[in-house]
Full PDB file with SEQRES, HELIX, SHEET, SSBOND, CRYST1, ORIGX, SCALE, CONECT and MASTER records, all heavy atoms in Angstrom:
SEQRES   1 A   33  LEU ALA SER LEU ALA ASP GLU THR PRO GLU GLY ARG SER          
SEQRES   2 A   33  ILE VAL LEU LEU ALA ARG ASP ARG PHE ALA ILE ALA THR          
SEQRES   3 A   33  THR ALA LEU PRO ALA GLY ALA                                  
HELIX    1 AA1 PRO A    9  PHE A   22  1                                  14    
CRYST1    1.000    1.000    1.000  90.00  90.00  90.00 P 1           1          
ORIGX1      1.000000  0.000000  0.000000        0.00000                         
ORIGX2      0.000000  1.000000  0.000000        0.00000                         
ORIGX3      0.000000  0.000000  1.000000        0.00000                         
SCALE1      1.000000  0.000000  0.000000        0.00000                         
SCALE2      0.000000  1.000000  0.000000        0.00000                         
SCALE3      0.000000  0.000000  1.000000        0.00000                         
ATOM      1  N   LEU A   1      34.281-139.241  81.485  1.00  0.00           N  
ATOM      2  CA  LEU A   1      35.645-138.654  81.215  1.00  0.00           C  
ATOM      3  C   LEU A   1      35.510-137.428  80.422  1.00  0.00           C  
ATOM      4  O   LEU A   1      36.204-136.448  80.680  1.00  0.00           O  
ATOM      5  CB  LEU A   1      36.526-139.682  80.545  1.00  0.00           C  
ATOM      6  CG  LEU A   1      38.035-139.484  80.830  1.00  0.00           C  
ATOM      7  CD1 LEU A   1      38.355-139.505  82.303  1.00  0.00           C  
ATOM      8  CD2 LEU A   1      38.858-140.506  80.078  1.00  0.00           C  
ATOM      9  N   ALA A   2      34.668-137.423  79.383  1.00  0.00           N  
ATOM     10  CA  ALA A   2      34.501-136.245  78.517  1.00  0.00           C  
ATOM     11  C   ALA A   2      33.855-135.106  79.200  1.00  0.00           C  
ATOM     12  O   ALA A   2      33.823-133.966  78.731  1.00  0.00           O  
ATOM     13  CB  ALA A   2      33.754-136.582  77.167  1.00  0.00           C  
ATOM     14  N   SER A   3      33.113-135.351  80.260  1.00  0.00           N  
ATOM     15  CA  SER A   3      32.281-134.340  80.955  1.00  0.00           C  
ATOM     16  C   SER A   3      32.897-133.844  82.256  1.00  0.00           C  
ATOM     17  O   SER A   3      32.334-132.871  82.841  1.00  0.00           O  
ATOM     18  CB  SER A   3      30.912-134.917  81.278  1.00  0.00           C  
ATOM     19  OG  SER A   3      30.286-135.344  80.063  1.00  0.00           O  
ATOM     20  N   LEU A   4      34.011-134.376  82.728  1.00  0.00           N  
ATOM     21  CA  LEU A   4      34.602-133.971  84.016  1.00  0.00           C  
ATOM     22  C   LEU A   4      34.915-132.517  84.017  1.00  0.00           C  
ATOM     23  O   LEU A   4      34.815-131.834  85.000  1.00  0.00           O  
ATOM     24  CB  LEU A   4      35.830-134.846  84.332  1.00  0.00           C  
ATOM     25  CG  LEU A   4      35.521-136.162  84.850  1.00  0.00           C  
ATOM     26  CD1 LEU A   4      36.880-137.013  84.950  1.00  0.00           C  
ATOM     27  CD2 LEU A   4      34.837-136.064  86.253  1.00  0.00           C  
ATOM     28  N   ALA A   5      35.385-131.988  82.942  1.00  0.00           N  
ATOM     29  CA  ALA A   5      35.755-130.556  82.800  1.00  0.00           C  
ATOM     30  C   ALA A   5      34.518-129.624  82.280  1.00  0.00           C  
ATOM     31  O   ALA A   5      34.710-128.523  82.172  1.00  0.00           O  
ATOM     32  CB  ALA A   5      36.914-130.441  81.836  1.00  0.00           C  
ATOM     33  N   ASP A   6      33.414-130.223  82.064  1.00  0.00           N  
ATOM     34  CA  ASP A   6      32.280-129.574  81.583  1.00  0.00           C  
ATOM     35  C   ASP A   6      31.356-129.064  82.682  1.00  0.00           C  
ATOM     36  O   ASP A   6      30.767-129.807  83.472  1.00  0.00           O  
ATOM     37  CB  ASP A   6      31.424-130.526  80.714  1.00  0.00           C  
ATOM     38  CG  ASP A   6      30.242-129.853  79.943  1.00  0.00           C  
ATOM     39  OD1 ASP A   6      29.906-128.712  80.335  1.00  0.00           O  
ATOM     40  OD2 ASP A   6      29.585-130.506  79.173  1.00  0.00           O  
ATOM     41  N   GLU A   7      31.386-127.718  82.919  1.00  0.00           N  
ATOM     42  CA  GLU A   7      30.695-127.197  84.047  1.00  0.00           C  
ATOM     43  C   GLU A   7      29.152-126.836  83.814  1.00  0.00           C  
ATOM     44  O   GLU A   7      28.542-126.161  84.594  1.00  0.00           O  
ATOM     45  CB  GLU A   7      31.363-125.956  84.583  1.00  0.00           C  
ATOM     46  CG  GLU A   7      32.654-126.225  85.164  1.00  0.00           C  
ATOM     47  CD  GLU A   7      32.492-127.194  86.433  1.00  0.00           C  
ATOM     48  OE1 GLU A   7      31.554-126.992  87.109  1.00  0.00           O  
ATOM     49  OE2 GLU A   7      33.405-128.081  86.644  1.00  0.00           O  
ATOM     50  N   THR A   8      28.776-127.157  82.547  1.00  0.00           N  
ATOM     51  CA  THR A   8      27.298-126.867  82.266  1.00  0.00           C  
ATOM     52  C   THR A   8      26.361-127.883  83.063  1.00  0.00           C  
ATOM     53  O   THR A   8      26.865-128.841  83.458  1.00  0.00           O  
ATOM     54  CB  THR A   8      27.045-127.034  80.770  1.00  0.00           C  
ATOM     55  OG1 THR A   8      27.189-128.427  80.397  1.00  0.00           O  
ATOM     56  CG2 THR A   8      27.924-126.200  79.897  1.00  0.00           C  
ATOM     57  N   PRO A   9      25.154-127.472  83.232  1.00  0.00           N  
ATOM     58  CA  PRO A   9      24.268-128.397  83.975  1.00  0.00           C  
ATOM     59  C   PRO A   9      24.146-129.736  83.304  1.00  0.00           C  
ATOM     60  O   PRO A   9      24.068-130.826  83.965  1.00  0.00           O  
ATOM     61  CB  PRO A   9      22.910-127.684  83.876  1.00  0.00           C  
ATOM     62  CG  PRO A   9      23.233-126.137  83.772  1.00  0.00           C  
ATOM     63  CD  PRO A   9      24.510-126.150  82.972  1.00  0.00           C  
ATOM     64  N   GLU A  10      24.159-129.802  81.948  1.00  0.00           N  
ATOM     65  CA  GLU A  10      24.080-131.013  81.231  1.00  0.00           C  
ATOM     66  C   GLU A  10      25.371-131.868  81.516  1.00  0.00           C  
ATOM     67  O   GLU A  10      25.326-133.111  81.797  1.00  0.00           O  
ATOM     68  CB  GLU A  10      23.998-130.836  79.738  1.00  0.00           C  
ATOM     69  CG  GLU A  10      22.683-130.162  79.380  1.00  0.00           C  
ATOM     70  CD  GLU A  10      22.693-128.680  79.413  1.00  0.00           C  
ATOM     71  OE1 GLU A  10      23.645-128.087  79.991  1.00  0.00           O  
ATOM     72  OE2 GLU A  10      21.678-128.049  78.943  1.00  0.00           O  
ATOM     73  N   GLY A  11      26.544-131.209  81.480  1.00  0.00           N  
ATOM     74  CA  GLY A  11      27.811-131.967  81.760  1.00  0.00           C  
ATOM     75  C   GLY A  11      27.808-132.603  83.166  1.00  0.00           C  
ATOM     76  O   GLY A  11      28.253-133.701  83.456  1.00  0.00           O  
ATOM     77  N   ARG A  12      27.360-131.750  84.133  1.00  0.00           N  
ATOM     78  CA  ARG A  12      27.443-132.211  85.485  1.00  0.00           C  
ATOM     79  C   ARG A  12      26.459-133.350  85.704  1.00  0.00           C  
ATOM     80  O   ARG A  12      26.625-134.315  86.492  1.00  0.00           O  
ATOM     81  CB  ARG A  12      27.033-131.048  86.478  1.00  0.00           C  
ATOM     82  CG  ARG A  12      28.092-129.994  86.484  1.00  0.00           C  
ATOM     83  CD  ARG A  12      27.908-129.002  87.705  1.00  0.00           C  
ATOM     84  NE  ARG A  12      26.814-128.232  87.561  1.00  0.00           N  
ATOM     85  CZ  ARG A  12      26.708-126.936  87.006  1.00  0.00           C  
ATOM     86  NH1 ARG A  12      28.018-126.521  86.657  1.00  0.00           N  
ATOM     87  NH2 ARG A  12      25.724-126.271  86.848  1.00  0.00           N  
ATOM     88  N   SER A  13      25.266-133.323  84.962  1.00  0.00           N  
ATOM     89  CA  SER A  13      24.300-134.413  85.084  1.00  0.00           C  
ATOM     90  C   SER A  13      24.696-135.739  84.556  1.00  0.00           C  
ATOM     91  O   SER A  13      24.443-136.774  85.079  1.00  0.00           O  
ATOM     92  CB  SER A  13      22.928-133.930  84.546  1.00  0.00           C  
ATOM     93  OG  SER A  13      23.027-133.985  83.053  1.00  0.00           O  
ATOM     94  N   ILE A  14      25.595-135.555  83.417  1.00  0.00           N  
ATOM     95  CA  ILE A  14      26.294-136.872  82.906  1.00  0.00           C  
ATOM     96  C   ILE A  14      27.152-137.535  83.946  1.00  0.00           C  
ATOM     97  O   ILE A  14      27.130-138.749  84.110  1.00  0.00           O  
ATOM     98  CB  ILE A  14      27.006-136.471  81.586  1.00  0.00           C  
ATOM     99  CG1 ILE A  14      25.984-136.135  80.504  1.00  0.00           C  
ATOM    100  CG2 ILE A  14      27.837-137.717  81.192  1.00  0.00           C  
ATOM    101  CD1 ILE A  14      26.695-135.537  79.200  1.00  0.00           C  
ATOM    102  N   VAL A  15      27.865-136.683  84.530  1.00  0.00           N  
ATOM    103  CA  VAL A  15      28.843-137.197  85.555  1.00  0.00           C  
ATOM    104  C   VAL A  15      28.107-137.894  86.655  1.00  0.00           C  
ATOM    105  O   VAL A  15      28.449-138.999  87.028  1.00  0.00           O  
ATOM    106  CB  VAL A  15      29.848-136.090  86.127  1.00  0.00           C  
ATOM    107  CG1 VAL A  15      30.680-136.574  87.312  1.00  0.00           C  
ATOM    108  CG2 VAL A  15      30.742-135.585  84.979  1.00  0.00           C  
ATOM    109  N   LEU A  16      26.984-137.176  87.159  1.00  0.00           N  
ATOM    110  CA  LEU A  16      26.297-137.767  88.283  1.00  0.00           C  
ATOM    111  C   LEU A  16      25.619-139.101  87.867  1.00  0.00           C  
ATOM    112  O   LEU A  16      25.594-140.050  88.645  1.00  0.00           O  
ATOM    113  CB  LEU A  16      25.228-136.772  88.784  1.00  0.00           C  
ATOM    114  CG  LEU A  16      25.738-135.545  89.487  1.00  0.00           C  
ATOM    115  CD1 LEU A  16      24.657-134.595  89.740  1.00  0.00           C  
ATOM    116  CD2 LEU A  16      26.401-135.952  90.773  1.00  0.00           C  
ATOM    117  N   LEU A  17      25.081-139.107  86.733  1.00  0.00           N  
ATOM    118  CA  LEU A  17      24.343-140.352  86.234  1.00  0.00           C  
ATOM    119  C   LEU A  17      25.379-141.470  86.171  1.00  0.00           C  
ATOM    120  O   LEU A  17      25.045-142.631  86.517  1.00  0.00           O  
ATOM    121  CB  LEU A  17      23.636-140.070  84.940  1.00  0.00           C  
ATOM    122  CG  LEU A  17      22.950-141.256  84.265  1.00  0.00           C  
ATOM    123  CD1 LEU A  17      21.742-141.680  85.126  1.00  0.00           C  
ATOM    124  CD2 LEU A  17      22.473-141.062  82.863  1.00  0.00           C  
ATOM    125  N   ALA A  18      26.596-141.239  85.534  1.00  0.00           N  
ATOM    126  CA  ALA A  18      27.493-142.314  85.435  1.00  0.00           C  
ATOM    127  C   ALA A  18      28.102-142.846  86.767  1.00  0.00           C  
ATOM    128  O   ALA A  18      28.195-144.058  86.993  1.00  0.00           O  
ATOM    129  CB  ALA A  18      28.719-141.811  84.626  1.00  0.00           C  
ATOM    130  N   ARG A  19      28.128-141.975  87.688  1.00  0.00           N  
ATOM    131  CA  ARG A  19      28.727-142.378  89.050  1.00  0.00           C  
ATOM    132  C   ARG A  19      27.516-143.077  89.839  1.00  0.00           C  
ATOM    133  O   ARG A  19      27.773-144.116  90.421  1.00  0.00           O  
ATOM    134  CB  ARG A  19      29.135-141.178  89.876  1.00  0.00           C  
ATOM    135  CG  ARG A  19      30.505-140.564  89.309  1.00  0.00           C  
ATOM    136  CD  ARG A  19      30.790-139.281  90.112  1.00  0.00           C  
ATOM    137  NE  ARG A  19      32.136-138.771  89.678  1.00  0.00           N  
ATOM    138  CZ  ARG A  19      32.597-137.603  90.028  1.00  0.00           C  
ATOM    139  NH1 ARG A  19      31.888-136.826  90.776  1.00  0.00           N  
ATOM    140  NH2 ARG A  19      33.779-137.264  89.541  1.00  0.00           N  
ATOM    141  N   ASP A  20      26.363-142.545  89.720  1.00  0.00           N  
ATOM    142  CA  ASP A  20      25.233-143.196  90.503  1.00  0.00           C  
ATOM    143  C   ASP A  20      24.725-144.501  89.925  1.00  0.00           C  
ATOM    144  O   ASP A  20      24.516-145.506  90.591  1.00  0.00           O  
ATOM    145  CB  ASP A  20      24.067-142.207  90.624  1.00  0.00           C  
ATOM    146  CG  ASP A  20      24.396-140.990  91.352  1.00  0.00           C  
ATOM    147  OD1 ASP A  20      25.438-141.012  92.151  1.00  0.00           O  
ATOM    148  OD2 ASP A  20      23.604-139.949  91.244  1.00  0.00           O  
ATOM    149  N   ARG A  21      24.652-144.577  88.561  1.00  0.00           N  
ATOM    150  CA  ARG A  21      24.126-145.733  87.864  1.00  0.00           C  
ATOM    151  C   ARG A  21      25.178-146.863  87.822  1.00  0.00           C  
ATOM    152  O   ARG A  21      24.804-148.061  87.939  1.00  0.00           O  
ATOM    153  CB  ARG A  21      23.567-145.387  86.502  1.00  0.00           C  
ATOM    154  CG  ARG A  21      22.813-146.443  85.809  1.00  0.00           C  
ATOM    155  CD  ARG A  21      21.456-146.536  86.307  1.00  0.00           C  
ATOM    156  NE  ARG A  21      20.640-145.316  86.178  1.00  0.00           N  
ATOM    157  CZ  ARG A  21      19.928-144.956  85.163  1.00  0.00           C  
ATOM    158  NH1 ARG A  21      20.030-145.552  84.009  1.00  0.00           N  
ATOM    159  NH2 ARG A  21      19.294-143.814  85.160  1.00  0.00           N  
ATOM    160  N   PHE A  22      26.409-146.423  87.621  1.00  0.00           N  
ATOM    161  CA  PHE A  22      27.491-147.453  87.372  1.00  0.00           C  
ATOM    162  C   PHE A  22      28.645-147.494  88.314  1.00  0.00           C  
ATOM    163  O   PHE A  22      29.625-148.241  88.150  1.00  0.00           O  
ATOM    164  CB  PHE A  22      28.011-147.311  85.877  1.00  0.00           C  
ATOM    165  CG  PHE A  22      26.857-147.389  84.889  1.00  0.00           C  
ATOM    166  CD1 PHE A  22      26.408-146.296  84.275  1.00  0.00           C  
ATOM    167  CD2 PHE A  22      26.352-148.695  84.569  1.00  0.00           C  
ATOM    168  CE1 PHE A  22      25.372-146.346  83.293  1.00  0.00           C  
ATOM    169  CE2 PHE A  22      25.291-148.769  83.521  1.00  0.00           C  
ATOM    170  CZ  PHE A  22      24.797-147.590  82.961  1.00  0.00           C  
ATOM    171  N   ALA A  23      28.458-146.708  89.346  1.00  0.00           N  
ATOM    172  CA  ALA A  23      29.457-146.571  90.344  1.00  0.00           C  
ATOM    173  C   ALA A  23      30.935-146.417  89.846  1.00  0.00           C  
ATOM    174  O   ALA A  23      31.866-147.009  90.312  1.00  0.00           O  
ATOM    175  CB  ALA A  23      29.492-147.884  91.221  1.00  0.00           C  
ATOM    176  N   ILE A  24      31.083-145.636  88.807  1.00  0.00           N  
ATOM    177  CA  ILE A  24      32.384-145.257  88.289  1.00  0.00           C  
ATOM    178  C   ILE A  24      33.116-144.362  89.231  1.00  0.00           C  
ATOM    179  O   ILE A  24      32.531-143.302  89.641  1.00  0.00           O  
ATOM    180  CB  ILE A  24      32.275-144.675  86.834  1.00  0.00           C  
ATOM    181  CG1 ILE A  24      31.533-145.564  85.944  1.00  0.00           C  
ATOM    182  CG2 ILE A  24      33.557-144.280  86.271  1.00  0.00           C  
ATOM    183  CD1 ILE A  24      31.195-144.993  84.532  1.00  0.00           C  
ATOM    184  N   ALA A  25      34.281-144.735  89.651  1.00  0.00           N  
ATOM    185  CA  ALA A  25      34.978-144.033  90.704  1.00  0.00           C  
ATOM    186  C   ALA A  25      35.801-142.834  90.178  1.00  0.00           C  
ATOM    187  O   ALA A  25      36.458-142.106  91.010  1.00  0.00           O  
ATOM    188  CB  ALA A  25      35.890-145.070  91.373  1.00  0.00           C  
ATOM    189  N   THR A  26      35.985-142.702  88.885  1.00  0.00           N  
ATOM    190  CA  THR A  26      36.806-141.652  88.404  1.00  0.00           C  
ATOM    191  C   THR A  26      36.251-140.256  88.843  1.00  0.00           C  
ATOM    192  O   THR A  26      35.136-139.948  88.666  1.00  0.00           O  
ATOM    193  CB  THR A  26      36.827-141.663  86.830  1.00  0.00           C  
ATOM    194  OG1 THR A  26      37.266-142.954  86.395  1.00  0.00           O  
ATOM    195  CG2 THR A  26      37.767-140.532  86.282  1.00  0.00           C  
ATOM    196  N   THR A  27      37.180-139.421  89.442  1.00  0.00           N  
ATOM    197  CA  THR A  27      36.723-138.183  89.987  1.00  0.00           C  
ATOM    198  C   THR A  27      37.571-137.006  89.362  1.00  0.00           C  
ATOM    199  O   THR A  27      37.232-135.815  89.556  1.00  0.00           O  
ATOM    200  CB  THR A  27      36.962-138.073  91.547  1.00  0.00           C  
ATOM    201  OG1 THR A  27      38.256-138.425  91.844  1.00  0.00           O  
ATOM    202  CG2 THR A  27      36.066-139.123  92.109  1.00  0.00           C  
ATOM    203  N   ALA A  28      38.563-137.292  88.658  1.00  0.00           N  
ATOM    204  CA  ALA A  28      39.535-136.273  88.090  1.00  0.00           C  
ATOM    205  C   ALA A  28      40.088-136.744  86.769  1.00  0.00           C  
ATOM    206  O   ALA A  28      40.287-137.965  86.596  1.00  0.00           O  
ATOM    207  CB  ALA A  28      40.579-135.840  89.068  1.00  0.00           C  
ATOM    208  N   LEU A  29      40.497-135.746  85.928  1.00  0.00           N  
ATOM    209  CA  LEU A  29      41.142-136.115  84.685  1.00  0.00           C  
ATOM    210  C   LEU A  29      42.534-136.668  84.965  1.00  0.00           C  
ATOM    211  O   LEU A  29      43.228-136.141  85.941  1.00  0.00           O  
ATOM    212  CB  LEU A  29      41.171-134.910  83.786  1.00  0.00           C  
ATOM    213  CG  LEU A  29      39.704-134.437  83.120  1.00  0.00           C  
ATOM    214  CD1 LEU A  29      39.958-133.118  82.461  1.00  0.00           C  
ATOM    215  CD2 LEU A  29      39.296-135.525  82.193  1.00  0.00           C  
ATOM    216  N   PRO A  30      43.097-137.461  84.149  1.00  0.00           N  
ATOM    217  CA  PRO A  30      44.561-137.924  84.206  1.00  0.00           C  
ATOM    218  C   PRO A  30      45.461-136.809  84.000  1.00  0.00           C  
ATOM    219  O   PRO A  30      45.159-135.758  83.375  1.00  0.00           O  
ATOM    220  CB  PRO A  30      44.665-138.944  83.161  1.00  0.00           C  
ATOM    221  CG  PRO A  30      43.233-139.427  82.716  1.00  0.00           C  
ATOM    222  CD  PRO A  30      42.434-138.195  82.968  1.00  0.00           C  
ATOM    223  N   ALA A  31      46.603-136.861  84.604  1.00  0.00           N  
ATOM    224  CA  ALA A  31      47.654-135.863  84.530  1.00  0.00           C  
ATOM    225  C   ALA A  31      47.941-135.588  83.054  1.00  0.00           C  
ATOM    226  O   ALA A  31      48.126-136.599  82.393  1.00  0.00           O  
ATOM    227  CB  ALA A  31      48.904-136.257  85.352  1.00  0.00           C  
ATOM    228  N   GLY A  32      48.139-134.373  82.662  1.00  0.00           N  
ATOM    229  CA  GLY A  32      48.524-134.094  81.281  1.00  0.00           C  
ATOM    230  C   GLY A  32      47.335-134.203  80.337  1.00  0.00           C  
ATOM    231  O   GLY A  32      47.525-134.022  79.074  1.00  0.00           O  
ATOM    232  N   ALA A  33      46.133-134.335  80.826  1.00  0.00           N  
ATOM    233  CA  ALA A  33      44.957-134.460  79.878  1.00  0.00           C  
ATOM    234  C   ALA A  33      44.713-133.086  79.230  1.00  0.00           C  
ATOM    235  O   ALA A  33      44.885-132.081  79.972  1.00  0.00           O  
ATOM    236  CB  ALA A  33      43.781-135.003  80.610  1.00  0.00           C  
TER     237      ALA A  33                                                      
MASTER        0    0    0    1    0    0    0    6  236    1    0    3          
END                                                                             
């Protein structure tokens, strides 16, 4: 969640690892975040 708006290579790799390893379905920040 903290990395969804992070466009650095490190931020993108955190998102990919969380989705691939733990199948977390979150793809976008909640409204008003």
